[in-house]
Structure formats: structure tokens, C-alpha cells
């Protein structure tokens, strides 16, 4: 989760949705996303900055999900991120960002008023994979902070209509700058920066069948602490970063090749604080491999 980064989203049995992989099935794939912004919130003030122009972020991610049981999955992802500014003297940045993994458990699934109610509990963690530069916002590829997350997710499906709600709390570890002192609201004679935690609430709804999923999403992310970007200054890793995002996603399973699915979507930040007013697009594919034991005839 980066400061002034563009919001990206994807799904195909991910940590964000109410879909599980069956036992011994492994779903893996690639997604590519691109997003840009030329206006950002400096605190609560929406402004542009001709010194940087338009910031573009591209991301190529490999993802996977393995079904330990029908109601217990392990998921992972690892992105390669590149950033660039259309104007000014800031150099582009690129590299492998953070590895993340989740355990996804569905303890409850039951019929409720002609529909199906399910509850999911998730635990996740992330760890920087490379020693990328964090003190280079808004072009840093990440915040280089190890995290631990917990998520509660509930879902109700009636026919092909569904609605899913979730809340995620993320504890973020300290990050380290490439200098020995810094000033936020006071002077710190260290290279370590305490990162505020993050709480995220999301609601998604739409159409879901075995062949097609189409959904609309509203996500509200709030940083629990931090401070605003000071006027005409660069952003800082521990800034307060809030973002309200709307998005639309789809997933389509190829006829006569049910192992292969195509995914895509669009998203836009409609309100924020110390983040870019970004618009993003993504697309990708996922393939399911069956590792279950085959019975002999």
C-alpha cells in the first residue's frame, strides 16, 4: 500500500472475495494493471503539481490460491511495480515489491431465506522482497513496511445476485529511510519511521454464476494516524493516507475450457487525503490445476 499510489484491484478466488477453491485445486495466474493521476490531495486540498505532471504506475502480479480443504485456502501474490513522472527531474523507479500471503477460512455456510449466507475469517502478512528505496515518494514502488492483517468477510447470495461486506485491520511495522534523521511534526534523529495502522471497509455487489461474475465495489481505506503533506512538499511514508474508491470487476470462464478464466476491471479514487486521484485499469488470466488423486478404474 503506497502513498499517492494508484489503487489496483483484481479478483479470481482472492483474499477479497467470497469464492473458495475446492480441495487439491490450485488456481494461479498473472494480472497487469496500469493507473495514473495528475491531481492529488495535499491534506484535504485537491491540487495539481506541474513539477511532476502525471504519475503513472504499472504493476505485473503473479498470484496463486491452493485449496487445502473446501473451506480452507492459502493464497499468495508478488508484484513487479514501475513508476514514472511525465514532467520534472524525478527518475522512474521499478522493482519487485512485497510478497503477501493469506489464510482464508469459511467456518459458516448455510441456507438463509432461499439464499446462502457465508462467513469468512482471513489472516495475512506481507514482507518486502527487495531493498527498494522508500524515501522517494510519490515514485517509490512501496512503503517497505512488513504488515499483519485480519479480515472479517460476510456474503449473501440469492440466485445469481450477491452482496459481500468486509472489514480489514492492518498492523504495519516500522520502515527505514535512506537517511539518519527526518522531520515530520518534530525532529527525529533516526532512520526508522513508525507507520500508522490501516482500517479498510469494502462492500461489493453484482451478478455471480459459475461462468460469469460482474461486480461493483465501494472501498474506504483510512490510515489511523499520521500527518498531512506539508504545502509544496514531497509526501512522507507515515502520512495519513485515506482513499474512497469505486471499482467494477468481471471474471469470465472460457466455454469448453473451464480451467481458464479471464479477469478485468476499472477503478477510480473519488475522495482522499494525501493520495492521488487515480484512475486504473487491469486485466489478466487465471488457470486451475487439479492435484487431487485420480482413482483407478
Foldseek 3Di string as FASTA:
>chain_A
DAFQDDDDDWDDCDPPDDDFDAAQKKKKKKKKKKKKFQWDFQFQDIDGDQQFGMKMKIKMKIKMWHHNHRFKIKIKMKIWMKMGTPHHDQDIDIGIFKIKMKIKGWPDWDDDPQKIKTKIKMKMKIATPDPWAQFRPPRTRHNRWIKIKIKIKMKIDHQFKIKIKMKMKMQTAWDFHPDQWDADPHIDRGRIDGAFIKMKIKMKIDGDDLFKDKIKMWMKMWGPDADGRPPPHGDDSRHTKIWIKIKMKMKGQDPPQNQKIKIKMKMFTPGIGSYGRMIMIMIIMMGMDGRDDDDDD
